Amino acid sequence: MAFEVHYDESKCNGCGECVEICPQGVIEMEGDKAKWANPDECIGCESCLEVCEPGAITEVVEV
């Protein structure tokens, strides 16, 4: 199973909450924005979606 995270970088405030909560290390900070460093490792848990207060992460979908 593969998952895709829908993400609007312009809404990212650089808080890093998604990086901290991701159990697979999929997300890393690059400068002041979150980046998907290992997207193939996403397990679809939606933890990043739940902690993204500015709404930069809009959904996690199975592809």
N, C-alpha and C. Protein backbone atom coordinates (compact mmCIF):
# COMPACT_ATOMS: atom_id res chain seq x y z
N MET A 1 0.83 -1.18 0.00
CA MET A 1 0.00 0.00 0.00
C MET A 1 0.88 1.25 0.00
N ALA A 2 0.53 2.21 -0.81
CA ALA A 2 1.27 3.46 -0.87
C ALA A 2 0.32 4.61 -0.52
N PHE A 3 0.89 5.64 0.08
CA PHE A 3 0.10 6.79 0.48
C PHE A 3 0.73 8.07 -0.04
N GLU A 4 -0.10 9.05 -0.26
CA GLU A 4 0.34 10.37 -0.73
C GLU A 4 -0.22 11.41 0.22
N VAL A 5 0.65 12.32 0.63
CA VAL A 5 0.24 13.41 1.52
C VAL A 5 0.00 14.65 0.68
N HIS A 6 -1.18 15.21 0.79
CA HIS A 6 -1.48 16.46 0.08
C HIS A 6 -1.10 17.61 1.01
N TYR A 7 -0.23 18.48 0.50
CA TYR A 7 0.45 19.47 1.32
C TYR A 7 0.55 20.78 0.56
N ASP A 8 0.17 21.89 1.22
CA ASP A 8 0.28 23.23 0.65
C ASP A 8 1.40 23.95 1.38
N GLU A 9 2.58 23.95 0.78
CA GLU A 9 3.77 24.53 1.42
C GLU A 9 3.57 25.99 1.82
N SER A 10 2.76 26.72 1.07
CA SER A 10 2.55 28.14 1.38
C SER A 10 1.86 28.35 2.73
N LYS A 11 1.16 27.31 3.23
CA LYS A 11 0.48 27.42 4.52
C LYS A 11 1.35 26.95 5.69
N CYS A 12 2.46 26.30 5.39
CA CYS A 12 3.34 25.77 6.44
C CYS A 12 3.98 26.91 7.23
N ASN A 13 3.84 26.86 8.57
CA ASN A 13 4.44 27.90 9.40
C ASN A 13 5.77 27.46 10.01
N GLY A 14 6.23 26.26 9.66
CA GLY A 14 7.54 25.79 10.11
C GLY A 14 7.59 25.35 11.55
N CYS A 15 6.46 25.01 12.13
CA CYS A 15 6.43 24.62 13.54
C CYS A 15 7.16 23.30 13.81
N GLY A 16 7.19 22.41 12.83
CA GLY A 16 7.87 21.14 12.96
C GLY A 16 7.10 20.05 13.69
N GLU A 17 5.84 20.31 14.03
CA GLU A 17 5.03 19.31 14.73
C GLU A 17 4.89 18.03 13.90
N CYS A 18 4.72 18.17 12.61
CA CYS A 18 4.57 17.00 11.74
C CYS A 18 5.85 16.16 11.72
N VAL A 19 6.98 16.83 11.75
CA VAL A 19 8.28 16.14 11.77
C VAL A 19 8.42 15.34 13.06
N GLU A 20 8.05 15.96 14.17
CA GLU A 20 8.17 15.32 15.48
C GLU A 20 7.26 14.09 15.62
N ILE A 21 6.06 14.15 15.06
CA ILE A 21 5.08 13.10 15.29
C ILE A 21 5.15 11.94 14.29
N CYS A 22 5.75 12.15 13.15
CA CYS A 22 5.79 11.11 12.12
C CYS A 22 6.60 9.90 12.60
N PRO A 23 5.95 8.73 12.73
CA PRO A 23 6.65 7.55 13.24
C PRO A 23 7.64 6.94 12.24
N GLN A 24 7.55 7.33 10.99
CA GLN A 24 8.39 6.74 9.95
C GLN A 24 9.53 7.66 9.50
N GLY A 25 9.60 8.88 10.02
CA GLY A 25 10.65 9.80 9.58
C GLY A 25 10.48 10.26 8.14
N VAL A 26 9.23 10.34 7.71
CA VAL A 26 8.93 10.72 6.33
C VAL A 26 9.19 12.21 6.10
N ILE A 27 8.95 13.03 7.11
CA ILE A 27 9.00 14.48 6.96
C ILE A 27 10.24 15.03 7.66
N GLU A 28 10.90 15.98 7.01
CA GLU A 28 12.06 16.66 7.59
C GLU A 28 11.89 18.17 7.39
N MET A 29 12.57 18.93 8.21
CA MET A 29 12.56 20.38 8.02
C MET A 29 13.68 20.74 7.04
N GLU A 30 13.35 21.60 6.11
CA GLU A 30 14.33 22.14 5.17
C GLU A 30 14.16 23.65 5.23
N GLY A 31 15.11 24.30 5.87
CA GLY A 31 14.95 25.73 6.12
C GLY A 31 13.81 25.91 7.10
N ASP A 32 12.82 26.68 6.74
CA ASP A 32 11.69 26.93 7.65
C ASP A 32 10.40 26.26 7.18
N LYS A 33 10.52 25.22 6.36
CA LYS A 33 9.35 24.51 5.84
C LYS A 33 9.53 23.00 5.97
N ALA A 34 8.42 22.29 6.12
CA ALA A 34 8.45 20.83 6.13
C ALA A 34 8.57 20.32 4.70
N LYS A 35 9.35 19.24 4.54
CA LYS A 35 9.53 18.61 3.23
C LYS A 35 9.39 17.11 3.39
N TRP A 36 8.87 16.45 2.37
CA TRP A 36 8.71 15.01 2.40
C TRP A 36 9.99 14.38 1.88
N ALA A 37 10.84 13.93 2.81
CA ALA A 37 12.14 13.39 2.48
C ALA A 37 12.08 11.92 2.07
N ASN A 38 11.15 11.18 2.66
CA ASN A 38 11.03 9.74 2.40
C ASN A 38 9.56 9.37 2.17
N PRO A 39 8.94 9.90 1.12
CA PRO A 39 7.50 9.70 0.93
C PRO A 39 7.10 8.23 0.78
N ASP A 40 7.98 7.38 0.30
CA ASP A 40 7.66 5.97 0.12
C ASP A 40 7.50 5.23 1.45
N GLU A 41 7.95 5.85 2.54
CA GLU A 41 7.87 5.24 3.86
C GLU A 41 6.56 5.56 4.58
N CYS A 42 5.72 6.42 4.01
CA CYS A 42 4.47 6.82 4.64
C CYS A 42 3.56 5.60 4.83
N ILE A 43 3.02 5.44 6.04
CA ILE A 43 2.13 4.32 6.35
C ILE A 43 0.66 4.75 6.42
N GLY A 44 0.39 6.03 6.15
CA GLY A 44 -0.98 6.52 6.11
C GLY A 44 -1.63 6.71 7.46
N CYS A 45 -0.86 6.91 8.51
CA CYS A 45 -1.42 7.00 9.87
C CYS A 45 -2.14 8.32 10.13
N GLU A 46 -1.88 9.34 9.33
CA GLU A 46 -2.50 10.66 9.42
C GLU A 46 -2.10 11.46 10.67
N SER A 47 -1.06 11.05 11.35
CA SER A 47 -0.59 11.80 12.52
C SER A 47 -0.20 13.22 12.13
N CYS A 48 0.46 13.35 10.99
CA CYS A 48 0.88 14.68 10.53
C CYS A 48 -0.32 15.58 10.27
N LEU A 49 -1.36 15.01 9.68
CA LEU A 49 -2.59 15.74 9.40
C LEU A 49 -3.23 16.25 10.68
N GLU A 50 -3.25 15.41 11.70
CA GLU A 50 -3.89 15.76 12.97
C GLU A 50 -3.19 16.89 13.70
N VAL A 51 -1.87 17.02 13.56
CA VAL A 51 -1.14 18.06 14.31
C VAL A 51 -0.89 19.33 13.50
N CYS A 52 -1.26 19.34 12.24
CA CYS A 52 -0.97 20.51 11.39
C CYS A 52 -2.01 21.61 11.61
N GLU A 53 -1.72 22.48 12.58
CA GLU A 53 -2.65 23.56 12.92
C GLU A 53 -2.90 24.56 11.80
N PRO A 54 -1.87 24.94 11.00
CA PRO A 54 -2.17 25.91 9.95
C PRO A 54 -2.90 25.31 8.75
N GLY A 55 -3.09 24.00 8.73
CA GLY A 55 -3.82 23.37 7.63
C GLY A 55 -3.01 23.18 6.37
N ALA A 56 -1.69 23.11 6.50
CA ALA A 56 -0.84 22.90 5.33
C ALA A 56 -0.98 21.48 4.81
N ILE A 57 -1.19 20.52 5.71
CA ILE A 57 -1.43 19.13 5.32
C ILE A 57 -2.95 18.96 5.26
N THR A 58 -3.45 18.68 4.07
CA THR A 58 -4.90 18.67 3.88
C THR A 58 -5.51 17.28 3.87
N GLU A 59 -4.74 16.27 3.44
CA GLU A 59 -5.24 14.90 3.48
C GLU A 59 -4.13 13.91 3.19
N VAL A 60 -4.36 12.68 3.61
CA VAL A 60 -3.46 11.57 3.31
C VAL A 60 -4.32 10.54 2.58
N VAL A 61 -3.92 10.20 1.36
CA VAL A 61 -4.75 9.30 0.54
C VAL A 61 -3.94 8.09 0.08
N GLU A 62 -4.63 6.98 -0.02
CA GLU A 62 -4.02 5.77 -0.56
C GLU A 62 -3.95 5.90 -2.08
N VAL A 63 -2.80 5.58 -2.64
CA VAL A 63 -2.63 5.65 -4.10
C VAL A 63 -2.31 4.29 -4.68
